[in-house]
Structures are given as C-alpha cells and as structure tokens.
Amino acid sequence: MRTNATAHPVLVTGGSGYIASWIVHQLLERHIPVHATVRDPDDTCRTRALVESARATGGQLTLFKANLLDPGSFDEAMAGCEWVIHTASPFRLDIPDNPYEALIRPAVEGTRHVLDCVNRTDTVRRVVLTSSVVALYGDAREIVEAPHGVFTEEMWNTTSDECHQPYAASKTLAEKEAWNIVQQQSRWDLITIHPGFVLGPARSLRTDSTSIRTMIDLGNGIYRRGIPELWLGVVDVRDVAAAHIAAGLSPRVHGRYIAVAQSLRLMDIVHILLDHSCTRYPLPRAQISKCLVWIMAPAVGFTRRYVRRNVGYRIGFDATRSRDELGIAYRPVRETVIAHFEQLIADGLIESP
C-alpha cells in the first residue's frame, strides 16, 4: 500500500451520507481526487454539499450513480482507484416491517458487490469499511461479561438477528462478509472502522441519520416528559472521517479500530445542552424509570426485550488503537454536542421556542 495516494483517486461509496460527506471533504482538503457514488447524481439536494466541498477546496470530485443491490454498479466509479472507502449501508434503529430487505440484505449484498468489484479492479490496494461498535456487541448488558468492563476490537456481536437488533445484525454480517472475501486473495487488504453514536455538524440538511434524528427530537420536545437511561459511545463525525482517511493512508495499520471519544448517557447530552443556555428548548429534565420504559416500549417502537437488555447498563469502549495507530485526537464530546445542536437550530431543524 503506497502512502502517496494523491496521484490516484479514492472511491467513497454512499458519498452524500452523514459520515461520507465529511470523508469526501477531508480528502479534497488534502488534494486527493475523489470518486463518490450516490443514488442519483442529478439530485442536487443530496449532492449539493459534495459539490460545495469541491468548490471550497479546489479539489477534484467526480460523482457516479450506484446502487448497493446492483452487482456491477461500482465498476465505473472504481476504475483507477488505489483505495476504497465503503460507507454505504442503511441505518435505522427501529424494527422495519421487513428487517431483512430493509437492513440486512442491502448491507451484506452491497458489501459483497463492492468487494467483488475490488477483485475486478487491479489498481485497488486497500479497502476501508465503515462498520460499527454494534458489530462488537449486541446488547448493552453484554458489558457485564466484557474483560475489564469495556468492549474491544477482539469482540464480535453474537446476539443480534433479524428480529432483535436487526441494524446491529446487518453491520455484523456485512463485516463478516468483508473479512471472508479479503481472505480469499492477497492483492488488497481490509481495515474496518467502528464508530459509536456519531454526532457533530453535518455538511447537508439530510436528517436520515438516526443520531441526527435523535438530536432533533430532543430539541423539539419529543422526549420532554423524560428519557430512558441509555448509554452511548459518542464520537464526532469529523473524527470518524479522519479515522477513515488515516486508515487508508497509513501503511502499517491492520484490522479493526474502535472510534469512540467518550461514553455517556442520553441525559448527559441533555445536561451539556442545558449548561450551554439551551433551557428555553423543551429538553427532557429527568430520566424515566426502566419499569416505565418497559411498559411503554411497544407504543414507541421498541421491544421489551430491547429495554430489558439495554436500559440502565453503563457501557465503555477501548479506543486505544485508533488513538495510537491512527493518530486520532478525539474532540471533547461537549464541543461535539454543542456544535451539533447549534447547527440544527441555525438550519431550522430544531424549532424556535
């Protein structure tokens, strides 16, 4: 793997996504040519941020149409690329009517199609895959058995499936598919990045990220009567993007990398906002007891099994490898949360009280 990637383009799949748009921007800032795939290059609402990044940085950006479920969809975009950052994957934490079709099939088949294309493209030397911490564990209660009380890169999620935590199952199965494919050849290698709950300013007005939707719902009073004690491994989207790029450029990195700055509760996020003079917004002022959350769960789209296995468990992550080997100096979560909330207000996504 050469460290000088400026002569060859980098392919970023799902280029208009929350994380991907920051990856594209940071690559362009480094004057690395970018090929980005999107569902529809003519959809200016979804591609505007990418075009603006290219204009602001003077970088070289080319957009390509691609679909995760189309086996040959990435061939043209990948031509001539030396490394690939595969971010495209559906993200939702509720349970859709058909979890396999909505989450698992596009995640697994999409990964297979991208990596099959890598096998056909002899210029590619590395793939960086956006995985997730949920590929390490399924439910927060598993922290009880975790060595030293933290989740690490050596762990795998063995408890999620199509009916329970289908998003986590989709990320786990897609990553396993990637490792199976890379082991069948020797030309290119694979690095996986495992972000936690990603927050921070977005480069577009898209709201189809669950983390962005959560912040909007907090600010607009959806949870004004209270929130459950849910712990999250929070990380800034800009740091997640930087981790992907460092993984692509660094010749000696290998394997899986957790990207988490700090673990905190949803209520801790609220306290950060309240301390930042956001008291005029209808933020929750208290946590709801686990018993009450368990009773209410079906009415708000969650299963009681999920509540039983996740509410009230304090989780932690060991992100030493990403700090030491990728060189990521994580932003303080307070800075991340405030920057995110203020942007949502400025964009009109959180209503003025």
Protein backbone atom coordinates (compact mmCIF):
# COMPACT_ATOMS: atom_id res chain seq x y z
CA MET A 1 0.00 0.00 0.00
CA ARG A 2 1.58 3.33 -1.06
CA THR A 3 1.26 6.27 1.33
CA ASN A 4 1.19 8.81 -1.52
CA ALA A 5 -2.40 8.48 -2.68
CA THR A 6 -2.69 11.87 -4.35
CA ALA A 7 -1.93 10.52 -7.83
CA HIS A 8 -4.83 8.06 -7.74
CA PRO A 9 -8.48 8.75 -6.85
CA VAL A 10 -10.19 7.34 -3.79
CA LEU A 11 -13.67 5.86 -4.14
CA VAL A 12 -16.15 6.77 -1.39
CA THR A 13 -19.41 4.83 -1.59
CA GLY A 14 -22.60 6.46 -0.31
CA GLY A 15 -20.85 9.80 -0.75
CA SER A 16 -23.75 12.02 0.33
CA GLY A 17 -24.15 10.33 3.72
CA TYR A 18 -23.51 11.94 7.10
CA ILE A 19 -20.05 10.39 7.63
CA ALA A 20 -19.17 10.04 3.96
CA SER A 21 -19.68 13.71 3.12
CA TRP A 22 -17.08 14.62 5.75
CA ILE A 23 -14.72 11.96 4.39
CA VAL A 24 -15.08 13.45 0.91
CA HIS A 25 -14.48 16.95 2.24
CA GLN A 26 -11.36 15.99 4.17
CA LEU A 27 -9.94 14.06 1.21
CA LEU A 28 -10.50 17.06 -1.04
CA GLU A 29 -8.78 19.29 1.53
CA ARG A 30 -5.74 17.02 1.13
CA HIS A 31 -5.99 17.44 -2.67
CA ILE A 32 -6.75 13.75 -3.10
CA PRO A 33 -9.04 13.15 -6.11
CA VAL A 34 -12.36 11.61 -5.10
CA HIS A 35 -14.82 9.37 -6.90
CA ALA A 36 -18.08 9.39 -4.92
CA THR A 37 -21.08 7.18 -5.59
CA VAL A 38 -24.63 8.41 -4.95
CA ARG A 39 -28.03 7.05 -5.85
CA ASP A 40 -28.74 9.91 -8.25
CA PRO A 41 -26.03 12.40 -9.31
CA ASP A 42 -28.77 14.71 -10.62
CA ASP A 43 -30.40 15.02 -7.17
CA THR A 44 -28.95 18.41 -6.27
CA CYS A 45 -30.46 18.35 -2.79
CA ARG A 46 -28.34 15.31 -1.87
CA THR A 47 -25.21 16.25 -3.84
CA ARG A 48 -25.05 19.98 -3.06
CA ALA A 49 -22.75 19.55 -0.06
CA LEU A 50 -20.32 17.45 -2.10
CA VAL A 51 -20.21 19.98 -4.91
CA GLU A 52 -19.71 22.80 -2.41
CA SER A 53 -16.80 20.90 -0.82
CA ALA A 54 -15.12 20.54 -4.19
CA ARG A 55 -15.63 24.24 -4.90
CA ALA A 56 -14.38 25.37 -1.49
CA THR A 57 -11.26 23.19 -1.52
CA GLY A 58 -10.47 23.37 -5.22
CA GLY A 59 -10.42 19.56 -5.13
CA GLN A 60 -11.20 17.09 -7.88
CA LEU A 61 -14.55 15.35 -7.39
CA THR A 62 -16.41 13.05 -9.77
CA LEU A 63 -19.89 11.74 -8.96
CA PHE A 64 -21.13 8.34 -10.11
CA LYS A 65 -24.51 6.64 -9.90
CA ALA A 66 -24.51 3.36 -7.99
CA ASN A 67 -26.90 1.05 -6.16
CA LEU A 68 -25.89 -1.42 -3.45
CA LEU A 69 -28.08 -4.16 -4.91
CA ASP A 70 -26.70 -3.82 -8.46
CA PRO A 71 -23.71 -6.21 -8.83
CA GLY A 72 -21.92 -4.15 -11.49
CA SER A 73 -22.88 -0.78 -10.14
CA PHE A 74 -19.45 0.28 -8.83
CA ASP A 75 -17.18 -0.76 -11.73
CA GLU A 76 -17.02 2.61 -13.47
CA ALA A 77 -16.58 4.58 -10.26
CA MET A 78 -13.79 2.31 -9.01
CA ALA A 79 -11.73 2.35 -12.21
CA GLY A 80 -8.23 3.64 -11.48
CA CYS A 81 -8.74 3.96 -7.70
CA GLU A 82 -6.00 2.83 -5.32
CA TRP A 83 -8.20 2.55 -2.26
CA VAL A 84 -11.89 2.37 -1.50
CA ILE A 85 -13.86 3.67 1.48
CA HIS A 86 -17.12 1.76 1.69
CA THR A 87 -19.60 3.66 3.86
CA ALA A 88 -22.90 2.95 2.11
CA SER A 89 -25.30 0.99 4.33
CA PRO A 90 -28.84 1.56 5.63
CA PHE A 91 -29.05 2.92 9.21
CA ARG A 92 -32.14 2.76 11.40
CA LEU A 93 -32.59 1.51 14.97
CA ASP A 94 -36.31 0.78 14.90
CA ILE A 95 -37.62 -2.50 13.53
CA PRO A 96 -38.94 -2.15 9.97
CA ASP A 97 -41.73 -4.35 8.62
CA ASN A 98 -39.19 -6.45 6.73
CA PRO A 99 -35.80 -6.19 8.51
CA TYR A 100 -34.06 -8.48 6.04
CA GLU A 101 -34.99 -6.43 2.98
CA ALA A 102 -34.65 -3.03 4.68
CA LEU A 103 -31.37 -3.61 6.50
CA ILE A 104 -29.62 -6.96 6.23
CA ARG A 105 -29.82 -7.67 2.50
CA PRO A 106 -28.59 -4.25 1.29
CA ALA A 107 -25.80 -4.21 3.89
CA VAL A 108 -24.48 -7.70 3.13
CA GLU A 109 -25.10 -7.81 -0.62
CA GLY A 110 -23.88 -4.24 -1.01
CA THR A 111 -20.61 -5.10 0.70
CA ARG A 112 -20.25 -8.20 -1.45
CA HIS A 113 -20.90 -6.26 -4.65
CA VAL A 114 -18.37 -3.55 -3.75
CA LEU A 115 -15.69 -6.09 -2.84
CA ASP A 116 -16.38 -8.21 -5.92
CA CYS A 117 -15.71 -5.03 -7.86
CA VAL A 118 -12.47 -4.54 -5.89
CA ASN A 119 -11.42 -8.02 -7.01
CA ARG A 120 -12.02 -6.95 -10.63
CA THR A 121 -10.11 -3.66 -10.25
CA ASP A 122 -6.39 -4.38 -10.16
CA THR A 123 -5.41 -0.86 -9.06
CA VAL A 124 -7.05 -1.18 -5.64
CA ARG A 125 -4.70 -1.98 -2.76
CA ARG A 126 -6.82 -1.23 0.32
CA VAL A 127 -10.46 -1.11 1.41
CA VAL A 128 -11.61 0.83 4.47
CA LEU A 129 -15.04 -0.35 5.61
CA THR A 130 -17.38 1.63 7.86
CA SER A 131 -18.51 -0.94 10.40
CA SER A 132 -19.89 -0.03 13.84
CA VAL A 133 -19.45 -0.73 17.53
CA VAL A 134 -22.63 -2.79 17.22
CA ALA A 135 -20.60 -5.35 15.29
CA LEU A 136 -18.72 -5.87 18.58
CA TYR A 137 -21.73 -6.37 20.86
CA GLY A 138 -25.48 -6.75 20.54
CA ASP A 139 -26.92 -5.53 23.84
CA ALA A 140 -25.50 -3.22 26.48
CA ARG A 141 -25.87 -5.89 29.18
CA GLU A 142 -23.02 -7.81 27.49
CA ILE A 143 -20.67 -5.29 29.09
CA VAL A 144 -21.06 -7.34 32.28
CA GLU A 145 -19.04 -10.17 30.73
CA ALA A 146 -16.59 -7.94 28.83
CA PRO A 147 -12.97 -8.18 30.03
CA HIS A 148 -12.03 -5.16 32.15
CA GLY A 149 -15.56 -3.79 31.64
CA VAL A 150 -15.02 -2.39 28.13
CA PHE A 151 -15.78 -3.51 24.59
CA THR A 152 -12.72 -4.11 22.40
CA GLU A 153 -11.92 -4.88 18.76
CA GLU A 154 -11.46 -8.58 19.57
CA MET A 155 -15.18 -8.99 20.26
CA TRP A 156 -17.97 -9.94 17.87
CA ASN A 157 -21.71 -9.46 18.17
CA THR A 158 -23.27 -12.92 18.56
CA THR A 159 -26.72 -11.97 19.87
CA SER A 160 -28.38 -9.79 17.19
CA ASP A 161 -30.57 -11.19 14.45
CA GLU A 162 -33.37 -10.27 12.08
CA CYS A 163 -35.90 -9.98 14.91
CA HIS A 164 -33.73 -8.48 17.67
CA GLN A 165 -31.45 -5.55 16.86
CA PRO A 166 -31.60 -6.05 13.05
CA TYR A 167 -29.40 -3.00 12.34
CA ALA A 168 -26.68 -4.45 14.54
CA ALA A 169 -27.11 -7.78 12.77
CA SER A 170 -26.74 -6.08 9.39
CA LYS A 171 -23.46 -4.42 10.36
CA THR A 172 -22.09 -7.63 11.87
CA LEU A 173 -22.99 -9.82 8.89
CA ALA A 174 -21.70 -7.26 6.38
CA GLU A 175 -18.35 -7.02 8.15
CA LYS A 176 -18.03 -10.80 8.38
CA GLU A 177 -18.73 -11.00 4.66
CA ALA A 178 -15.94 -8.48 4.05
CA TRP A 179 -13.40 -10.44 6.09
CA ASN A 180 -14.38 -13.66 4.32
CA ILE A 181 -13.82 -12.06 0.91
CA VAL A 182 -10.49 -10.41 1.73
CA GLN A 183 -9.07 -13.71 2.99
CA GLN A 184 -9.58 -15.28 -0.44
CA GLN A 185 -6.97 -13.09 -2.15
CA SER A 186 -3.68 -11.27 -1.40
CA ARG A 187 -3.64 -8.10 -3.57
CA TRP A 188 -5.63 -5.79 -1.28
CA ASP A 189 -6.13 -5.53 2.46
CA LEU A 190 -9.05 -4.51 4.67
CA ILE A 191 -9.36 -2.06 7.57
CA THR A 192 -12.64 -1.65 9.46
CA ILE A 193 -13.65 1.46 11.43
CA HIS A 194 -16.15 1.03 14.27
CA PRO A 195 -17.80 4.34 15.23
CA GLY A 196 -20.10 4.65 18.19
CA PHE A 197 -23.01 7.10 18.28
CA VAL A 198 -21.90 9.71 15.75
CA LEU A 199 -22.72 13.35 16.48
CA GLY A 200 -21.41 16.69 15.25
CA PRO A 201 -22.24 19.16 12.48
CA ALA A 202 -23.45 17.74 9.17
CA ARG A 203 -22.44 19.00 5.76
CA SER A 204 -26.01 18.88 4.44
CA LEU A 205 -29.62 19.20 5.60
CA ARG A 206 -30.22 15.45 5.39
CA THR A 207 -31.89 14.09 8.51
CA ASP A 208 -31.95 10.35 7.71
CA SER A 209 -29.19 9.54 10.20
CA THR A 210 -30.59 8.15 13.44
CA SER A 211 -28.12 10.16 15.52
CA ILE A 212 -29.16 13.43 13.81
CA ARG A 213 -32.82 12.50 14.22
CA THR A 214 -32.26 11.86 17.93
CA MET A 215 -30.80 15.35 18.44
CA ILE A 216 -33.69 16.95 16.51
CA ASP A 217 -36.24 15.03 18.58
CA LEU A 218 -34.53 16.09 21.81
CA GLY A 219 -34.61 19.74 20.78
CA ASN A 220 -38.20 19.65 19.53
CA GLY A 221 -39.62 18.18 22.73
CA ILE A 222 -40.40 14.63 21.63
CA TYR A 223 -38.83 13.42 24.89
CA ARG A 224 -39.83 16.36 27.09
CA ARG A 225 -41.51 14.02 29.61
CA GLY A 226 -38.30 12.09 30.13
CA ILE A 227 -35.78 9.75 28.54
CA PRO A 228 -34.50 6.28 29.42
CA GLU A 229 -31.07 5.64 30.88
CA LEU A 230 -29.33 4.65 27.69
CA TRP A 231 -25.55 4.81 27.48
CA LEU A 232 -23.83 5.69 24.20
CA GLY A 233 -20.25 5.70 22.96
CA VAL A 234 -20.20 9.19 21.42
CA VAL A 235 -17.80 10.37 18.71
CA ASP A 236 -17.56 13.44 16.49
CA VAL A 237 -18.36 12.84 12.81
CA ARG A 238 -15.25 14.81 11.80
CA ASP A 239 -13.05 12.48 13.85
CA VAL A 240 -14.73 9.44 12.32
CA ALA A 241 -13.93 10.81 8.86
CA ALA A 242 -10.33 11.44 9.89
CA ALA A 243 -10.04 7.85 11.14
CA HIS A 244 -11.13 6.50 7.74
CA ILE A 245 -8.57 8.62 5.92
CA ALA A 246 -5.76 7.73 8.32
CA ALA A 247 -6.64 4.06 7.83
CA GLY A 248 -6.35 4.49 4.08
CA LEU A 249 -3.06 6.39 4.14
CA SER A 250 -1.14 4.56 6.88
CA PRO A 251 0.86 1.59 5.55
CA ARG A 252 1.23 -0.29 8.86
CA VAL A 253 -2.34 -0.30 10.18
CA HIS A 254 -4.35 -3.50 10.22
CA GLY A 255 -7.60 -4.99 11.45
CA ARG A 256 -10.41 -3.29 13.35
CA TYR A 257 -10.45 0.17 15.01
CA ILE A 258 -12.99 1.46 17.53
CA ALA A 259 -13.81 5.16 17.06
CA VAL A 260 -15.32 6.46 20.32
CA ALA A 261 -14.39 9.57 22.28
CA GLN A 262 -16.39 9.01 25.47
CA SER A 263 -19.31 7.03 26.86
CA LEU A 264 -22.21 8.97 28.32
CA ARG A 265 -25.95 8.77 28.87
CA LEU A 266 -28.59 10.47 26.79
CA MET A 267 -29.25 12.53 29.93
CA ASP A 268 -25.61 13.64 29.96
CA ILE A 269 -26.10 15.02 26.45
CA VAL A 270 -29.13 16.94 27.73
CA HIS A 271 -27.13 18.31 30.67
CA ILE A 272 -24.45 19.58 28.27
CA LEU A 273 -27.15 21.48 26.37
CA LEU A 274 -28.83 22.83 29.49
CA ASP A 275 -25.47 24.05 30.79
CA HIS A 276 -25.00 25.79 27.43
CA SER A 277 -28.02 28.05 27.98
CA CYS A 278 -30.43 25.90 25.97
CA THR A 279 -33.01 25.93 28.75
CA ARG A 280 -35.65 27.61 26.55
CA TYR A 281 -35.90 24.45 24.43
CA PRO A 282 -38.26 21.64 25.55
CA LEU A 283 -35.47 19.27 26.56
CA PRO A 284 -36.23 16.45 28.99
CA ARG A 285 -35.43 17.26 32.60
CA ALA A 286 -35.40 13.72 34.01
CA GLN A 287 -34.85 10.07 33.23
CA ILE A 288 -37.75 7.63 33.08
CA SER A 289 -37.51 4.54 35.25
CA LYS A 290 -36.68 1.30 33.48
CA CYS A 291 -40.00 -0.16 34.63
CA LEU A 292 -41.95 2.62 32.95
CA VAL A 293 -39.85 2.37 29.77
CA TRP A 294 -40.57 -1.36 29.71
CA ILE A 295 -44.31 -0.71 29.91
CA MET A 296 -44.24 1.97 27.20
CA ALA A 297 -41.82 0.20 24.81
CA PRO A 298 -44.31 -1.29 22.28
CA ALA A 299 -46.08 2.05 21.90
CA VAL A 300 -42.86 3.86 20.91
CA GLY A 301 -41.46 1.25 18.53
CA PHE A 302 -39.12 -0.74 20.79
CA THR A 303 -39.39 -4.26 22.13
CA ARG A 304 -39.43 -5.09 25.81
CA ARG A 305 -36.52 -7.43 25.17
CA TYR A 306 -34.53 -4.42 23.97
CA VAL A 307 -35.43 -2.45 27.10
CA ARG A 308 -34.57 -5.34 29.39
CA ARG A 309 -31.14 -5.85 27.82
CA ASN A 310 -30.09 -2.23 27.19
CA VAL A 311 -31.62 0.31 29.54
CA GLY A 312 -29.54 1.04 32.63
CA TYR A 313 -26.30 -0.63 31.56
CA ARG A 314 -23.22 1.60 31.52
CA ILE A 315 -21.01 0.71 28.56
CA GLY A 316 -17.41 1.58 27.74
CA PHE A 317 -15.02 1.17 24.82
CA ASP A 318 -11.27 0.82 24.43
CA ALA A 319 -10.29 3.20 21.60
CA THR A 320 -6.54 2.95 22.30
CA ARG A 321 -5.72 1.54 18.86
CA SER A 322 -7.36 4.41 16.96
CA ARG A 323 -5.55 6.95 19.13
CA ASP A 324 -2.14 5.28 18.96
CA GLU A 325 -2.09 3.78 15.46
CA LEU A 326 -4.37 6.14 13.51
CA GLY A 327 -3.31 9.22 15.44
CA ILE A 328 -6.85 10.38 16.23
CA ALA A 329 -7.09 13.05 18.95
CA TYR A 330 -10.81 12.98 19.71
CA ARG A 331 -12.70 16.22 20.19
CA PRO A 332 -14.32 16.72 23.61
CA VAL A 333 -17.91 15.46 23.48
CA ARG A 334 -19.15 18.76 24.93
CA GLU A 335 -17.78 20.58 21.88
CA THR A 336 -19.36 17.99 19.57
CA VAL A 337 -22.81 18.11 21.17
CA ILE A 338 -23.00 21.91 21.27
CA ALA A 339 -21.76 22.32 17.69
CA HIS A 340 -24.34 19.81 16.50
CA PHE A 341 -27.26 21.36 18.36
CA GLU A 342 -26.37 24.90 17.28
CA GLN A 343 -26.18 23.83 13.64
CA LEU A 344 -29.60 22.17 13.82
CA ILE A 345 -31.03 25.41 15.24
CA ALA A 346 -29.34 27.51 12.53
CA ASP A 347 -30.67 25.16 9.83
CA GLY A 348 -34.22 25.42 11.18
CA LEU A 349 -34.42 21.72 12.01
CA ILE A 350 -35.00 22.49 15.69
CA GLU A 351 -37.93 24.85 16.14
CA SER A 352 -37.54 28.15 17.96
CA PRO A 353 -39.47 28.01 21.25
